[in-house]
Amino acid sequence: MKDNSRKKAKWYRRSKKKQRGLTLIEILVVVTILGIIASIVGIGVVGALDDAKKDTTKIQMKNLADAVELYKIKIGRYPASLGELTKPPEGRKPIMDSLPKDGWDADFVYVYPGQHNQGKFDLQSKGPDGITDNEDDVTNWK
């Protein structure tokens, strides 16, 4: 009897050792599932990041437009370039310490007199592609 119970115990230990690891198929299934989940989450994050950059650009453009209007009130005319906001003529105090960038870290395009805003000025961000006058631009006239 003891001999039979020893065989069973030995067989049980061996079968436990065999069941400890994962098969290659199981690992591949887990890795595939994790890849699918990561791609779904990644697409959502990229879309949210693009929206955040566009919103940031709109806010920066509004601040810049307010600074241009304040310049007009203080100096009596619109600036010839955005650089005059940081270095106004006649030794006056600057309206802004530095010029903001758009959400894609590019400079805003300023046109005075405005072609779209008659009697005022046009502000434009080139958008994510960096090219002016196409559908992804952020402007103060749309």
C-alpha atoms as a PDB file:
ATOM      1  CA  MET A   1       0.000   0.000   0.000  1.00  0.00           C
ATOM      2  CA  LYS A   2       2.754   2.402   0.871  1.00  0.00           C
ATOM      3  CA  ASP A   3       4.368   1.758  -2.474  1.00  0.00           C
ATOM      4  CA  ASN A   4       1.166   2.631  -4.309  1.00  0.00           C
ATOM      5  CA  SER A   5       0.648   5.879  -2.381  1.00  0.00           C
ATOM      6  CA  ARG A   6       4.261   6.923  -3.100  1.00  0.00           C
ATOM      7  CA  LYS A   7       3.672   6.460  -6.820  1.00  0.00           C
ATOM      8  CA  LYS A   8       0.550   8.576  -6.657  1.00  0.00           C
ATOM      9  CA  ALA A   9       2.358  11.328  -4.736  1.00  0.00           C
ATOM     10  CA  LYS A  10       5.247  11.290  -7.224  1.00  0.00           C
ATOM     11  CA  TRP A  11       2.838  11.426 -10.180  1.00  0.00           C
ATOM     12  CA  TYR A  12       0.919  14.315  -8.540  1.00  0.00           C
ATOM     13  CA  ARG A  13       4.109  16.362  -8.066  1.00  0.00           C
ATOM     14  CA  ARG A  14       5.111  15.812 -11.698  1.00  0.00           C
ATOM     15  CA  SER A  15       1.704  16.830 -13.022  1.00  0.00           C
ATOM     16  CA  LYS A  16       1.799  20.000 -10.886  1.00  0.00           C
ATOM     17  CA  LYS A  17       5.196  20.938 -12.348  1.00  0.00           C
ATOM     18  CA  LYS A  18       3.861  20.540 -15.884  1.00  0.00           C
ATOM     19  CA  GLN A  19       0.889  22.860 -15.205  1.00  0.00           C
ATOM     20  CA  ARG A  20       2.915  25.808 -13.892  1.00  0.00           C
ATOM     21  CA  GLY A  21       3.885  27.471 -17.189  1.00  0.00           C
ATOM     22  CA  LEU A  22       1.830  29.018 -19.993  1.00  0.00           C
ATOM     23  CA  THR A  23       1.840  27.650 -23.485  1.00  0.00           C
ATOM     24  CA  LEU A  24       3.100  29.714 -26.392  1.00  0.00           C
ATOM     25  CA  ILE A  25      -0.452  29.988 -27.763  1.00  0.00           C
ATOM     26  CA  GLU A  26      -1.730  31.425 -24.477  1.00  0.00           C
ATOM     27  CA  ILE A  27       1.046  34.010 -24.403  1.00  0.00           C
ATOM     28  CA  LEU A  28       0.366  35.011 -28.024  1.00  0.00           C
ATOM     29  CA  VAL A  29      -3.350  35.418 -27.301  1.00  0.00           C
ATOM     30  CA  VAL A  30      -2.633  37.669 -24.304  1.00  0.00           C
ATOM     31  CA  VAL A  31      -0.130  39.779 -26.271  1.00  0.00           C
ATOM     32  CA  THR A  32      -2.597  40.149 -29.164  1.00  0.00           C
ATOM     33  CA  ILE A  33      -5.388  41.249 -26.839  1.00  0.00           C
ATOM     34  CA  LEU A  34      -3.096  43.787 -25.156  1.00  0.00           C
ATOM     35  CA  GLY A  35      -2.061  45.125 -28.580  1.00  0.00           C
ATOM     36  CA  ILE A  36      -5.681  45.598 -29.633  1.00  0.00           C
ATOM     37  CA  ILE A  37      -6.518  47.411 -26.401  1.00  0.00           C
ATOM     38  CA  ALA A  38      -3.437  49.654 -26.721  1.00  0.00           C
ATOM     39  CA  SER A  39      -4.324  50.614 -30.300  1.00  0.00           C
ATOM     40  CA  ILE A  40      -7.905  51.512 -29.358  1.00  0.00           C
ATOM     41  CA  VAL A  41      -6.746  53.650 -26.429  1.00  0.00           C
ATOM     42  CA  GLY A  42      -3.995  55.237 -28.565  1.00  0.00           C
ATOM     43  CA  ILE A  43      -6.454  56.373 -31.226  1.00  0.00           C
ATOM     44  CA  GLY A  44      -8.610  58.045 -28.587  1.00  0.00           C
ATOM     45  CA  VAL A  45      -5.638  59.801 -26.999  1.00  0.00           C
ATOM     46  CA  VAL A  46      -4.357  61.129 -30.338  1.00  0.00           C
ATOM     47  CA  GLY A  47      -7.796  62.527 -31.190  1.00  0.00           C
ATOM     48  CA  ALA A  48      -8.061  64.231 -27.809  1.00  0.00           C
ATOM     49  CA  LEU A  49      -4.559  65.667 -28.216  1.00  0.00           C
ATOM     50  CA  ASP A  50      -5.459  67.201 -31.591  1.00  0.00           C
ATOM     51  CA  ASP A  51      -8.600  68.751 -30.105  1.00  0.00           C
ATOM     52  CA  ALA A  52      -6.588  70.152 -27.195  1.00  0.00           C
ATOM     53  CA  LYS A  53      -4.076  71.763 -29.567  1.00  0.00           C
ATOM     54  CA  LYS A  54      -6.887  73.387 -31.540  1.00  0.00           C
ATOM     55  CA  ASP A  55      -8.526  74.680 -28.343  1.00  0.00           C
ATOM     56  CA  THR A  56      -5.179  76.010 -27.115  1.00  0.00           C
ATOM     57  CA  THR A  57      -4.710  77.814 -30.417  1.00  0.00           C
ATOM     58  CA  LYS A  58      -8.137  79.446 -30.159  1.00  0.00           C
ATOM     59  CA  ILE A  59      -7.380  80.650 -26.621  1.00  0.00           C
ATOM     60  CA  GLN A  60      -3.949  81.982 -27.598  1.00  0.00           C
ATOM     61  CA  MET A  61      -5.471  83.707 -30.631  1.00  0.00           C
ATOM     62  CA  LYS A  62      -8.109  85.382 -28.443  1.00  0.00           C
ATOM     63  CA  ASN A  63      -5.411  86.605 -26.031  1.00  0.00           C
ATOM     64  CA  LEU A  64      -3.359  87.906 -28.945  1.00  0.00           C
ATOM     65  CA  ALA A  65      -6.374  89.669 -30.481  1.00  0.00           C
ATOM     66  CA  ASP A  66      -7.128  91.285 -27.100  1.00  0.00           C
ATOM     67  CA  ALA A  67      -3.517  92.475 -26.896  1.00  0.00           C
ATOM     68  CA  VAL A  68      -3.759  93.973 -30.414  1.00  0.00           C
ATOM     69  CA  GLU A  69      -6.964  95.821 -29.432  1.00  0.00           C
ATOM     70  CA  LEU A  70      -5.296  97.087 -26.241  1.00  0.00           C
ATOM     71  CA  TYR A  71      -2.360  98.308 -28.330  1.00  0.00           C
ATOM     72  CA  LYS A  72      -4.796 100.258 -30.517  1.00  0.00           C
ATOM     73  CA  ILE A  73      -6.340 101.868 -27.443  1.00  0.00           C
ATOM     74  CA  LYS A  74      -2.967 102.846 -25.969  1.00  0.00           C
ATOM     75  CA  ILE A  75      -1.108 103.864 -29.150  1.00  0.00           C
ATOM     76  CA  GLY A  76      -4.045 104.985 -31.299  1.00  0.00           C
ATOM     77  CA  ARG A  77      -3.509 102.572 -34.193  1.00  0.00           C
ATOM     78  CA  TYR A  78      -3.136  98.875 -34.870  1.00  0.00           C
ATOM     79  CA  PRO A  79       0.437  97.554 -34.837  1.00  0.00           C
ATOM     80  CA  ALA A  80       2.178  97.098 -38.171  1.00  0.00           C
ATOM     81  CA  SER A  81       3.466  93.719 -36.916  1.00  0.00           C
ATOM     82  CA  LEU A  82       2.967  91.560 -33.839  1.00  0.00           C
ATOM     83  CA  GLY A  83       6.500  92.419 -32.769  1.00  0.00           C
ATOM     84  CA  GLU A  84       5.259  95.867 -31.754  1.00  0.00           C
ATOM     85  CA  LEU A  85       3.299  94.217 -28.918  1.00  0.00           C
ATOM     86  CA  THR A  86       6.588  93.318 -27.217  1.00  0.00           C
ATOM     87  CA  LYS A  87       8.547  96.383 -28.398  1.00  0.00           C
ATOM     88  CA  PRO A  88       6.169  99.317 -28.885  1.00  0.00           C
ATOM     89  CA  PRO A  89       7.395 102.564 -30.424  1.00  0.00           C
ATOM     90  CA  GLU A  90       8.410 105.661 -28.484  1.00  0.00           C
ATOM     91  CA  GLY A  91       9.769 103.682 -25.509  1.00  0.00           C
ATOM     92  CA  ARG A  92       6.328 102.767 -24.213  1.00  0.00           C
ATOM     93  CA  LYS A  93       5.649  99.810 -21.949  1.00  0.00           C
ATOM     94  CA  PRO A  94       5.170  96.510 -23.864  1.00  0.00           C
ATOM     95  CA  ILE A  95       1.672  95.035 -24.060  1.00  0.00           C
ATOM     96  CA  MET A  96       3.062  91.469 -23.915  1.00  0.00           C
ATOM     97  CA  ASP A  97       6.345  90.078 -22.594  1.00  0.00           C
ATOM     98  CA  SER A  98       6.526  87.518 -25.411  1.00  0.00           C
ATOM     99  CA  LEU A  99       4.351  86.473 -28.325  1.00  0.00           C
ATOM    100  CA  PRO A 100       2.364  83.262 -27.863  1.00  0.00           C
ATOM    101  CA  LYS A 101       2.692  80.329 -30.231  1.00  0.00           C
ATOM    102  CA  ASP A 102      -0.168  78.265 -31.565  1.00  0.00           C
ATOM    103  CA  GLY A 103      -0.873  74.700 -30.425  1.00  0.00           C
ATOM    104  CA  TRP A 104       1.624  73.348 -32.958  1.00  0.00           C
ATOM    105  CA  ASP A 105       4.408  75.668 -31.697  1.00  0.00           C
ATOM    106  CA  ALA A 106       4.297  77.940 -34.741  1.00  0.00           C
ATOM    107  CA  ASP A 107       3.961  81.716 -34.969  1.00  0.00           C
ATOM    108  CA  PHE A 108       0.610  83.313 -35.730  1.00  0.00           C
ATOM    109  CA  VAL A 109       0.125  85.096 -39.049  1.00  0.00           C
ATOM    110  CA  TYR A 110      -0.945  88.731 -38.577  1.00  0.00           C
ATOM    111  CA  VAL A 111      -2.235  90.883 -41.437  1.00  0.00           C
ATOM    112  CA  TYR A 112      -3.103  94.557 -41.067  1.00  0.00           C
ATOM    113  CA  PRO A 113      -5.225  95.924 -42.617  1.00  0.00           C
ATOM    114  CA  GLY A 114      -7.327  92.799 -42.554  1.00  0.00           C
ATOM    115  CA  GLN A 115      -8.496  91.215 -45.766  1.00  0.00           C
ATOM    116  CA  HIS A 116     -11.312  89.325 -44.028  1.00  0.00           C
ATOM    117  CA  ASN A 117     -11.986  91.709 -41.130  1.00  0.00           C
ATOM    118  CA  GLN A 118     -12.409  95.044 -42.886  1.00  0.00           C
ATOM    119  CA  GLY A 119     -11.042  97.969 -40.883  1.00  0.00           C
ATOM    120  CA  LYS A 120      -9.394  95.626 -38.402  1.00  0.00           C
ATOM    121  CA  PHE A 121      -6.792  92.850 -38.583  1.00  0.00           C
ATOM    122  CA  ASP A 122      -6.604  89.169 -39.488  1.00  0.00           C
ATOM    123  CA  LEU A 123      -5.027  86.521 -37.262  1.00  0.00           C
ATOM    124  CA  GLN A 124      -4.353  83.032 -38.521  1.00  0.00           C
ATOM    125  CA  SER A 125      -2.741  79.813 -37.331  1.00  0.00           C
ATOM    126  CA  LYS A 126      -1.454  77.554 -40.084  1.00  0.00           C
ATOM    127  CA  GLY A 127      -2.830  74.509 -38.273  1.00  0.00           C
ATOM    128  CA  PRO A 128      -1.237  71.083 -37.946  1.00  0.00           C
ATOM    129  CA  ASP A 129       0.057  70.934 -41.528  1.00  0.00           C
ATOM    130  CA  GLY A 130       1.853  74.311 -41.341  1.00  0.00           C
ATOM    131  CA  ILE A 131       0.320  75.548 -44.612  1.00  0.00           C
ATOM    132  CA  THR A 132      -1.805  78.702 -44.759  1.00  0.00           C
ATOM    133  CA  ASP A 133      -5.204  79.082 -46.391  1.00  0.00           C
ATOM    134  CA  ASN A 134      -6.587  75.570 -46.165  1.00  0.00           C
ATOM    135  CA  GLU A 135      -9.346  73.873 -44.178  1.00  0.00           C
ATOM    136  CA  ASP A 136      -7.356  73.070 -41.018  1.00  0.00           C
ATOM    137  CA  ASP A 137      -6.345  76.688 -40.296  1.00  0.00           C
ATOM    138  CA  VAL A 138      -7.613  78.453 -37.183  1.00  0.00           C
ATOM    139  CA  THR A 139      -8.535  82.075 -37.891  1.00  0.00           C
ATOM    140  CA  ASN A 140     -10.272  85.054 -36.290  1.00  0.00           C
ATOM    141  CA  TRP A 141     -12.745  85.417 -39.172  1.00  0.00           C
ATOM    142  CA  LYS A 142     -14.444  82.001 -39.309  1.00  0.00           C
END
